[in-house]
Amino acid sequence: MITTLLVPIGAVVFLSLNRFYQFTVLSLAALLPFSFGNFRSIPNFQFIEWMPILVFLLLINEFIIINKARSKEKRLNFNGLQIFIFSILILIIWAAISYFQNEVFTTYYTNMANTGKTRIYFTIINNIILYFSVSIFIVQYFEQIDFQKFFKTLLYIALFLGFLRIIAHFLDFNIPFLSGAFDYGGEYGKYRKIQYGGTAYRLGGLSEVVIIGIPSLFAIYVSDKKINYFALLSLLFFLFLSGGRTVLIGTFVSIFIVSFFFFPRNFIYLIGVGALFVIAAAIFLPESVLQGQTGRLTTLDAGNFMGQDAFRGLAWKFYIETFLENPIFGKGINVYSGFIFSSVRNAEEFARDLLFAGGHGSYFSLLAIFGIGGITYFILFEFGAIILSFSKIKYFFDTNQTLTSISVFAFMMLIIKSVDFITAVNGINVPILFYLAGVISSVKIYQNKFGL
């Protein structure tokens, strides 16, 4: 009941904010799992599930021609963004095929599965709206958004949430209005301690904090030409405690690429910061935690499929088998009715749940759920955004600090997520990808609009 009231109140408050804070709140909603809780029959109704529609309606109102003065304004030009439009069309077509296959031509499904399917199809539409809303919003209100302030705000929020998440773990409380990854993880049990050689943690939410913090830090560096060493060391500490291997790899790859191509003198400073972090960790962390956490970040389960744990390995195995059975369109968003066997307790149920709409690995998930069309949409959308952001860094590096900062922010976060997607989410419910593609598309639209 309270949530039913909070959502419309939140919408009214959002509309009353100035454009800078509207964009900041929209960005946080896309990057973090903020939620008021359950909304009527919808569990964990997140901000990102209602905010893009609100922004889109706001933009529609702005683009209604009220007088002749508005009709003389320069129109938005989407030239150069055909790869994103093409990718979205593929996603829409394959989602429609899945809907007709599993909803129109198939009559058997459980009520729970039906509810889940409806929400997933809504998510696809919502993400597409998010892409256009973000790209148009930035261009339309570019002068009203202080991007230097925006990146600093994201960095400070990331640092605050990182320390709060650690405190929340040891004092055993949940962070209000944050769900999903922030409710996940903790200290590993006896078996994993033996495997990793000491005490190890998987503190959910810290990876998300790093994914926001590192790109924001480097976006600020574009203008300030100074590295905030406290922030960098703190983010590295969060990364260490997060226990996330793919985010760890993606973070260092993104830092290496940006530093190598655009800030070569950073290497000396980064090596120094890395050495300082290692020394500080060796001095201040208990030996058991140092060994265990290092073991967590470097150890794979050699006995399971592709080095994954038994649960994810089993799901990946069936993703591939399902793709081979349905290579063009995939199995669609539907209950998996095939036979699954595992000697590991609860692994069968885990894999069957994931085979409904994917999860724990976007690339494999999309192969199984949407087949070749699904993986094509995802690769084009993701790497199209990476290539575009890299090209815009090069193009504006010596001429426009603001557009360079935006491009660095998008590029680094996309690189981190491209690696993280190997083991994360399902490739369908990925608002962060559509948000980032919208951010970098806005740079291209802005360039087209003003002939830069």
Protein backbone atom coordinates (compact mmCIF):
# COMPACT_ATOMS: atom_id res chain seq x y z
CA MET A 1 0.00 0.00 0.00
CA ILE A 2 2.79 2.42 0.91
CA THR A 3 4.65 1.67 -2.34
CA THR A 4 1.46 2.30 -4.32
CA LEU A 5 1.55 5.85 -2.94
CA LEU A 6 5.33 6.32 -3.16
CA VAL A 7 5.56 5.70 -6.92
CA PRO A 8 3.17 8.52 -7.97
CA ILE A 9 4.68 10.79 -5.30
CA GLY A 10 8.13 9.98 -6.69
CA ALA A 11 6.91 10.81 -10.20
CA VAL A 12 5.61 14.21 -9.07
CA VAL A 13 8.86 14.98 -7.23
CA PHE A 14 10.88 13.94 -10.28
CA LEU A 15 8.92 16.27 -12.58
CA SER A 16 9.45 19.17 -10.14
CA LEU A 17 13.26 18.86 -10.31
CA ASN A 18 15.41 20.95 -12.63
CA ARG A 19 16.88 19.25 -15.72
CA PHE A 20 20.25 18.50 -14.10
CA TYR A 21 18.72 16.60 -11.21
CA GLN A 22 16.21 14.89 -13.47
CA PHE A 23 19.06 13.53 -15.57
CA THR A 24 21.04 12.54 -12.47
CA VAL A 25 18.09 10.66 -10.97
CA LEU A 26 17.33 8.96 -14.29
CA SER A 27 20.99 7.91 -14.57
CA LEU A 28 21.05 6.49 -11.04
CA ALA A 29 17.84 4.59 -11.75
CA ALA A 30 19.43 3.03 -14.85
CA LEU A 31 22.72 2.21 -13.11
CA LEU A 32 21.53 1.00 -9.70
CA PRO A 33 18.57 -1.19 -8.59
CA PHE A 34 16.61 1.50 -6.74
CA SER A 35 13.12 0.41 -5.71
CA PHE A 36 10.30 1.38 -3.36
CA GLY A 37 9.49 -2.33 -3.04
CA ASN A 38 6.49 -4.26 -4.34
CA PHE A 39 3.98 -2.26 -6.39
CA ARG A 40 0.57 -3.90 -6.11
CA SER A 41 1.10 -7.37 -7.69
CA ILE A 42 4.53 -6.48 -9.14
CA PRO A 43 7.43 -7.62 -6.92
CA ASN A 44 10.38 -5.25 -6.49
CA PHE A 45 9.11 -2.58 -8.88
CA GLN A 46 12.26 -0.61 -9.73
CA PHE A 47 12.60 3.08 -10.54
CA ILE A 48 13.88 2.23 -14.01
CA GLU A 49 10.60 0.46 -14.80
CA TRP A 50 8.52 3.64 -14.65
CA MET A 51 10.93 6.54 -15.04
CA PRO A 52 11.80 6.18 -18.80
CA ILE A 53 8.11 6.40 -19.72
CA LEU A 54 7.78 9.52 -17.58
CA VAL A 55 10.80 11.14 -19.27
CA PHE A 56 9.55 10.11 -22.70
CA LEU A 57 6.19 11.80 -22.06
CA LEU A 58 8.03 14.89 -20.84
CA LEU A 59 10.02 14.98 -24.08
CA ILE A 60 6.93 14.50 -26.21
CA ASN A 61 5.46 17.56 -24.53
CA GLU A 62 8.64 19.50 -25.33
CA PHE A 63 8.53 18.53 -29.01
CA ILE A 64 4.90 19.53 -29.58
CA ILE A 65 5.08 22.63 -31.77
CA ILE A 66 3.20 25.31 -29.87
CA ASN A 67 4.35 28.36 -31.79
CA LYS A 68 6.38 29.32 -34.81
CA ALA A 69 9.48 29.99 -32.75
CA ARG A 70 9.75 26.31 -31.90
CA SER A 71 9.21 25.29 -35.50
CA LYS A 72 12.41 27.14 -36.41
CA GLU A 73 14.55 25.15 -33.98
CA LYS A 74 17.10 22.75 -35.40
CA ARG A 75 15.74 19.23 -35.60
CA LEU A 76 17.49 16.20 -34.19
CA ASN A 77 19.51 14.21 -36.71
CA PHE A 78 20.05 10.50 -36.02
CA ASN A 79 22.45 10.05 -38.93
CA GLY A 80 25.32 7.72 -37.99
CA LEU A 81 23.25 5.78 -35.45
CA GLN A 82 21.75 3.27 -37.88
CA ILE A 83 23.45 0.35 -36.12
CA PHE A 84 21.44 1.03 -32.95
CA ILE A 85 18.16 1.38 -34.84
CA PHE A 86 18.92 -1.85 -36.74
CA SER A 87 19.76 -3.66 -33.50
CA ILE A 88 16.54 -2.46 -31.87
CA LEU A 89 14.53 -3.66 -34.88
CA ILE A 90 16.13 -7.12 -34.57
CA LEU A 91 15.27 -7.20 -30.87
CA ILE A 92 11.65 -6.17 -31.56
CA ILE A 93 11.22 -8.76 -34.33
CA TRP A 94 12.67 -11.63 -32.30
CA ALA A 95 10.70 -10.63 -29.21
CA ALA A 96 7.53 -10.54 -31.32
CA ILE A 97 8.31 -13.99 -32.73
CA SER A 98 8.85 -15.27 -29.19
CA TYR A 99 5.54 -13.76 -28.12
CA PHE A 100 3.58 -15.33 -30.97
CA GLN A 101 5.28 -18.70 -30.55
CA ASN A 102 4.75 -18.92 -26.81
CA GLU A 103 1.64 -16.81 -26.17
CA VAL A 104 -0.50 -17.02 -29.30
CA PHE A 105 0.26 -20.49 -30.61
CA THR A 106 0.87 -22.16 -27.24
CA THR A 107 -1.90 -22.42 -24.68
CA TYR A 108 -0.17 -24.12 -21.75
CA TYR A 109 1.69 -22.06 -19.19
CA THR A 110 1.46 -21.42 -15.47
CA ASN A 111 0.11 -18.20 -14.00
CA MET A 112 3.50 -17.42 -12.50
CA ALA A 113 5.26 -17.88 -15.84
CA ASN A 114 2.65 -15.73 -17.57
CA THR A 115 3.21 -12.88 -15.10
CA GLY A 116 6.98 -13.17 -15.58
CA LYS A 117 6.67 -13.14 -19.36
CA THR A 118 4.50 -10.03 -19.37
CA ARG A 119 7.06 -8.16 -17.29
CA ILE A 120 9.95 -9.25 -19.52
CA TYR A 121 8.20 -8.09 -22.69
CA PHE A 122 7.44 -4.80 -20.93
CA THR A 123 11.14 -4.54 -20.01
CA ILE A 124 12.13 -4.81 -23.67
CA ILE A 125 9.81 -1.95 -24.61
CA ASN A 126 10.91 0.07 -21.58
CA ASN A 127 14.60 -0.29 -22.46
CA ILE A 128 13.98 0.92 -26.00
CA ILE A 129 12.12 3.94 -24.60
CA LEU A 130 15.06 4.49 -22.22
CA TYR A 131 17.53 4.59 -25.13
CA PHE A 132 15.62 7.28 -27.02
CA SER A 133 14.71 9.21 -23.86
CA VAL A 134 18.33 9.47 -22.69
CA SER A 135 19.77 10.40 -26.08
CA ILE A 136 17.12 13.06 -26.77
CA PHE A 137 17.06 14.41 -23.19
CA ILE A 138 20.80 15.11 -23.19
CA VAL A 139 20.71 16.91 -26.53
CA GLN A 140 17.56 18.86 -25.70
CA TYR A 141 18.83 20.05 -22.30
CA PHE A 142 22.58 19.91 -22.90
CA GLU A 143 23.22 23.46 -21.68
CA GLN A 144 21.28 22.81 -18.47
CA ILE A 145 23.32 19.76 -17.48
CA ASP A 146 26.64 20.46 -15.76
CA PHE A 147 28.44 17.25 -16.68
CA GLN A 148 31.45 17.91 -14.48
CA LYS A 149 29.10 18.23 -11.52
CA PHE A 150 27.20 15.17 -12.74
CA PHE A 151 30.28 12.93 -12.80
CA LYS A 152 31.40 14.18 -9.38
CA THR A 153 27.92 13.46 -8.01
CA LEU A 154 28.06 9.91 -9.35
CA LEU A 155 31.55 9.41 -7.89
CA TYR A 156 30.57 10.65 -4.42
CA ILE A 157 27.42 8.52 -4.43
CA ALA A 158 29.47 5.49 -5.48
CA LEU A 159 31.95 6.04 -2.64
CA PHE A 160 29.18 6.58 -0.11
CA LEU A 161 27.30 3.45 -1.17
CA GLY A 162 30.50 1.41 -1.22
CA PHE A 163 31.39 2.18 2.38
CA LEU A 164 27.74 1.86 3.40
CA ARG A 165 27.52 -1.60 1.79
CA ILE A 166 30.55 -2.81 3.75
CA ILE A 167 29.15 -1.41 7.00
CA ALA A 168 25.76 -2.97 6.20
CA HIS A 169 27.37 -6.39 5.83
CA PHE A 170 29.21 -6.35 9.14
CA LEU A 171 26.35 -4.72 11.08
CA ASP A 172 23.80 -6.92 9.29
CA PHE A 173 21.27 -4.46 7.89
CA ASN A 174 19.84 -3.75 4.44
CA ILE A 175 20.34 -0.46 2.62
CA PRO A 176 16.93 1.21 2.11
CA PHE A 177 15.56 1.52 -1.45
CA LEU A 178 18.31 -0.66 -2.94
CA SER A 179 17.50 -4.20 -4.02
CA GLY A 180 18.88 -6.89 -6.31
CA ALA A 181 22.66 -7.15 -6.10
CA PHE A 182 22.78 -5.16 -2.85
CA ASP A 183 20.86 -7.94 -1.10
CA TYR A 184 23.20 -10.61 -2.40
CA GLY A 185 26.29 -12.29 -1.00
CA GLY A 186 28.33 -12.24 2.16
CA GLU A 187 31.07 -14.38 3.63
CA TYR A 188 31.66 -17.76 2.00
CA GLY A 189 31.15 -20.93 4.01
CA LYS A 190 33.54 -23.65 5.13
CA TYR A 191 33.85 -25.42 1.76
CA ARG A 192 34.77 -22.25 -0.12
CA LYS A 193 37.19 -21.18 2.61
CA ILE A 194 39.10 -24.39 2.04
CA GLN A 195 38.94 -23.94 -1.73
CA TYR A 196 40.09 -20.30 -1.64
CA GLY A 197 42.63 -20.75 1.15
CA GLY A 198 41.07 -18.37 3.65
CA THR A 199 38.14 -16.09 4.42
CA ALA A 200 36.50 -14.81 1.24
CA TYR A 201 33.67 -12.37 0.56
CA ARG A 202 31.21 -11.79 -2.27
CA LEU A 203 29.62 -8.51 -1.27
CA GLY A 204 26.85 -7.81 -3.75
CA GLY A 205 26.50 -4.19 -4.81
CA LEU A 206 30.21 -3.36 -4.63
CA SER A 207 30.70 -4.35 -8.27
CA GLU A 208 27.91 -1.95 -9.27
CA VAL A 209 29.56 0.79 -7.22
CA VAL A 210 32.89 0.26 -9.01
CA ILE A 211 31.21 0.16 -12.43
CA ILE A 212 29.88 3.66 -11.73
CA GLY A 213 32.85 5.05 -9.82
CA ILE A 214 35.80 4.24 -12.09
CA PRO A 215 34.32 5.73 -15.32
CA SER A 216 33.15 8.80 -13.38
CA LEU A 217 36.64 9.25 -11.92
CA PHE A 218 38.28 9.20 -15.35
CA ALA A 219 35.58 11.44 -16.86
CA ILE A 220 36.44 14.00 -14.18
CA TYR A 221 40.14 13.57 -14.97
CA VAL A 222 39.53 14.73 -18.56
CA SER A 223 38.77 18.23 -17.25
CA ASP A 224 40.66 18.40 -13.96
CA LYS A 225 43.79 16.52 -15.10
CA LYS A 226 44.07 15.23 -11.53
CA ILE A 227 43.43 11.78 -10.11
CA ASN A 228 41.60 11.58 -6.80
CA TYR A 229 43.82 8.96 -5.17
CA PHE A 230 41.56 8.46 -2.18
CA ALA A 231 38.65 7.72 -4.50
CA LEU A 232 40.75 5.41 -6.69
CA LEU A 233 42.13 3.43 -3.73
CA SER A 234 38.65 3.18 -2.22
CA LEU A 235 37.19 1.88 -5.48
CA LEU A 236 40.00 -0.67 -5.79
CA PHE A 237 39.23 -1.80 -2.24
CA PHE A 238 35.54 -2.17 -3.15
CA LEU A 239 36.56 -4.12 -6.24
CA PHE A 240 38.69 -6.45 -4.13
CA LEU A 241 35.89 -7.14 -1.64
CA SER A 242 33.26 -7.48 -4.36
CA GLY A 243 34.69 -10.84 -5.39
CA GLY A 244 33.56 -10.20 -8.96
CA ARG A 245 36.06 -11.64 -11.44
CA THR A 246 34.53 -10.29 -14.64
CA VAL A 247 34.16 -6.77 -13.24
CA LEU A 248 37.77 -6.95 -12.03
CA ILE A 249 38.99 -7.90 -15.52
CA GLY A 250 36.74 -5.37 -17.25
CA THR A 251 37.85 -2.56 -14.94
CA PHE A 252 41.55 -3.10 -15.56
CA VAL A 253 41.00 -3.53 -19.31
CA SER A 254 39.07 -0.24 -19.47
CA ILE A 255 41.72 1.61 -17.45
CA PHE A 256 44.51 0.17 -19.59
CA ILE A 257 42.88 1.09 -22.92
CA VAL A 258 41.99 4.66 -21.92
CA SER A 259 45.38 5.27 -20.32
CA PHE A 260 47.36 3.70 -23.17
CA PHE A 261 45.61 5.59 -25.99
CA PHE A 262 44.75 8.91 -24.36
CA PHE A 263 46.58 9.40 -21.04
CA PRO A 264 49.92 7.56 -21.39
CA ARG A 265 51.53 9.34 -18.44
CA ASN A 266 48.83 7.78 -16.25
CA PHE A 267 50.69 4.48 -16.33
CA ILE A 268 53.32 5.70 -13.88
CA TYR A 269 50.68 6.96 -11.45
CA LEU A 270 48.54 3.86 -11.83
CA ILE A 271 51.46 1.54 -11.17
CA GLY A 272 52.22 3.58 -8.05
CA VAL A 273 48.60 3.43 -6.87
CA GLY A 274 48.50 -0.31 -7.57
CA ALA A 275 51.67 -0.87 -5.57
CA LEU A 276 50.33 1.29 -2.73
CA PHE A 277 47.10 -0.71 -2.70
CA VAL A 278 48.97 -4.04 -2.53
CA ILE A 279 51.20 -2.77 0.29
CA ALA A 280 48.23 -1.37 2.24
CA ALA A 281 46.27 -4.62 1.77
CA ALA A 282 49.23 -6.68 2.98
CA ILE A 283 49.64 -4.48 6.06
CA PHE A 284 46.05 -3.88 7.15
CA LEU A 285 44.07 -6.92 6.00
CA PRO A 286 44.16 -10.14 8.04
CA GLU A 287 46.23 -12.80 6.29
CA SER A 288 43.22 -15.13 6.06
CA VAL A 289 41.16 -12.46 4.25
CA LEU A 290 44.03 -11.50 1.96
CA GLN A 291 44.64 -15.11 0.91
CA GLY A 292 40.96 -16.05 0.74
CA GLN A 293 39.86 -13.05 -1.28
CA THR A 294 42.80 -13.42 -3.67
CA GLY A 295 41.85 -17.07 -4.06
CA ARG A 296 38.25 -16.11 -4.78
CA LEU A 297 39.32 -13.75 -7.57
CA THR A 298 41.77 -16.18 -9.19
CA THR A 299 40.20 -19.62 -8.70
CA LEU A 300 37.87 -21.37 -11.15
CA ASP A 301 35.95 -24.61 -10.58
CA ALA A 302 38.04 -26.83 -12.82
CA GLY A 303 35.73 -29.83 -12.48
CA ASN A 304 32.66 -28.06 -13.89
CA PHE A 305 31.56 -26.81 -17.29
CA MET A 306 33.85 -23.97 -18.50
CA GLY A 307 35.29 -23.55 -15.01
CA GLN A 308 32.02 -22.29 -13.52
CA ASP A 309 30.31 -23.45 -10.36
CA ALA A 310 27.99 -26.45 -10.70
CA PHE A 311 24.83 -24.32 -10.89
CA ARG A 312 25.92 -21.84 -13.56
CA GLY A 313 27.88 -24.50 -15.44
CA LEU A 314 24.76 -26.66 -15.76
CA ALA A 315 22.70 -23.70 -16.99
CA TRP A 316 25.35 -22.77 -19.58
CA LYS A 317 25.46 -26.36 -20.82
CA PHE A 318 21.72 -26.33 -21.43
CA TYR A 319 21.88 -22.85 -22.98
CA ILE A 320 24.19 -24.22 -25.66
CA GLU A 321 22.13 -27.38 -26.17
CA THR A 322 18.95 -25.31 -26.47
CA PHE A 323 20.60 -23.00 -29.01
CA LEU A 324 21.70 -25.97 -31.12
CA GLU A 325 18.11 -27.21 -31.13
CA ASN A 326 16.68 -23.76 -32.04
CA PRO A 327 19.54 -21.81 -33.66
CA ILE A 328 17.56 -19.14 -35.54
CA PHE A 329 14.86 -17.92 -33.15
CA GLY A 330 15.82 -19.70 -29.91
CA LYS A 331 13.32 -21.25 -27.53
CA GLY A 332 11.69 -17.91 -26.71
CA ILE A 333 10.61 -16.59 -23.33
CA ASN A 334 8.84 -19.59 -21.89
CA VAL A 335 9.03 -22.41 -19.36
CA TYR A 336 11.66 -25.03 -20.24
CA SER A 337 9.94 -28.40 -20.46
CA GLY A 338 12.96 -30.58 -21.29
CA PHE A 339 14.68 -33.07 -19.02
CA ILE A 340 17.45 -31.80 -16.72
CA PHE A 341 19.51 -33.96 -14.41
CA SER A 342 22.23 -33.03 -11.95
CA SER A 343 23.77 -34.84 -9.02
CA VAL A 344 24.18 -31.48 -7.27
CA ARG A 345 21.27 -30.60 -5.02
CA ASN A 346 19.02 -27.78 -6.33
CA ALA A 347 21.15 -27.32 -9.48
CA GLU A 348 18.38 -28.73 -11.68
CA GLU A 349 15.83 -26.24 -10.34
CA PHE A 350 18.34 -23.39 -10.71
CA ALA A 351 19.04 -24.25 -14.36
CA ARG A 352 15.34 -24.65 -15.17
CA ASP A 353 14.57 -21.22 -13.70
CA LEU A 354 17.31 -19.62 -15.81
CA LEU A 355 16.10 -21.35 -18.97
CA PHE A 356 12.80 -19.49 -18.64
CA ALA A 357 14.28 -16.17 -19.86
CA GLY A 358 18.03 -16.47 -19.31
CA GLY A 359 20.36 -15.14 -16.65
CA HIS A 360 23.88 -15.48 -15.21
CA GLY A 361 25.44 -14.81 -18.60
CA SER A 362 24.04 -12.54 -21.31
CA TYR A 363 25.79 -14.03 -24.33
CA PHE A 364 24.82 -17.65 -23.65
CA SER A 365 21.35 -16.61 -22.46
CA LEU A 366 20.56 -14.80 -25.69
CA LEU A 367 21.74 -17.74 -27.79
CA ALA A 368 19.26 -19.98 -25.99
CA ILE A 369 16.32 -17.56 -25.68
CA PHE A 370 16.45 -15.59 -28.96
CA GLY A 371 18.97 -17.59 -31.01
CA ILE A 372 21.11 -15.95 -33.69
CA GLY A 373 18.84 -12.90 -33.77
CA GLY A 374 19.27 -12.31 -30.05
CA ILE A 375 23.05 -12.48 -30.01
CA THR A 376 23.21 -10.36 -33.20
CA TYR A 377 21.14 -7.58 -31.64
CA PHE A 378 23.26 -7.64 -28.49
CA ILE A 379 26.68 -7.68 -30.17
CA LEU A 380 25.75 -4.91 -32.62
CA PHE A 381 24.22 -2.75 -29.90
CA GLU A 382 26.99 -3.26 -27.36
CA PHE A 383 30.06 -3.11 -29.57
CA GLY A 384 28.51 -0.45 -31.80
CA ALA A 385 28.32 1.73 -28.69
CA ILE A 386 31.90 0.86 -27.71
CA ILE A 387 33.26 1.73 -31.16
CA LEU A 388 31.24 4.94 -31.35
CA SER A 389 32.36 6.10 -27.90
CA PHE A 390 36.02 5.36 -28.68
CA SER A 391 35.79 7.29 -31.95
CA LYS A 392 34.20 10.28 -30.18
CA ILE A 393 36.99 10.36 -27.59
CA LYS A 394 39.51 10.60 -30.43
CA TYR A 395 37.46 13.16 -32.34
CA PHE A 396 36.79 15.59 -29.47
CA PHE A 397 39.89 14.93 -27.35
CA ASP A 398 41.62 18.22 -28.20
CA THR A 399 38.56 20.34 -28.95
CA ASN A 400 35.71 19.69 -26.50
CA GLN A 401 36.33 18.52 -22.93
CA THR A 402 32.66 18.01 -22.09
CA LEU A 403 31.94 15.71 -25.03
CA THR A 404 35.23 13.90 -24.39
CA SER A 405 34.27 13.35 -20.74
CA ILE A 406 30.88 11.94 -21.74
CA SER A 407 32.54 9.64 -24.25
CA VAL A 408 35.17 8.42 -21.75
CA PHE A 409 32.44 7.74 -19.20
CA ALA A 410 30.39 5.70 -21.67
CA PHE A 411 33.39 3.89 -23.16
CA MET A 412 34.86 2.70 -19.86
CA MET A 413 31.53 1.57 -18.47
CA LEU A 414 30.72 -0.26 -21.70
CA ILE A 415 34.07 -2.06 -21.63
CA ILE A 416 33.54 -3.14 -18.03
CA LYS A 417 30.01 -4.33 -18.74
CA SER A 418 31.02 -6.13 -21.95
CA VAL A 419 33.21 -8.40 -19.82
CA ASP A 420 30.74 -8.54 -16.94
CA PHE A 421 27.98 -9.66 -19.33
CA ILE A 422 29.85 -12.97 -19.70
CA THR A 423 28.45 -14.04 -16.33
CA ALA A 424 25.80 -11.39 -15.59
CA VAL A 425 22.08 -10.93 -16.38
CA ASN A 426 20.30 -12.23 -19.49
CA GLY A 427 20.93 -9.70 -22.26
CA ILE A 428 17.24 -8.73 -22.29
CA ASN A 429 16.76 -6.89 -19.01
CA VAL A 430 19.83 -4.65 -19.41
CA PRO A 431 18.81 -1.00 -18.83
CA ILE A 432 22.45 -0.03 -18.25
CA LEU A 433 23.32 -1.01 -21.85
CA PHE A 434 20.46 1.00 -23.35
CA TYR A 435 21.29 3.92 -21.06
CA LEU A 436 24.95 3.97 -22.12
CA ALA A 437 24.06 3.58 -25.80
CA GLY A 438 21.70 6.52 -25.36
CA VAL A 439 24.44 8.59 -23.69
CA ILE A 440 26.96 8.07 -26.48
CA SER A 441 24.28 8.45 -29.17
CA SER A 442 23.50 11.88 -27.72
CA VAL A 443 27.07 12.93 -28.47
CA LYS A 444 26.60 11.96 -32.13
CA ILE A 445 23.18 13.66 -32.33
CA TYR A 446 24.62 16.80 -30.72
CA GLN A 447 27.48 16.74 -33.22
CA ASN A 448 25.03 16.41 -36.12
CA LYS A 449 22.78 19.15 -34.78
CA PHE A 450 25.52 21.77 -34.49
CA GLY A 451 27.83 20.55 -37.25
CA LEU A 452 30.80 19.97 -34.94
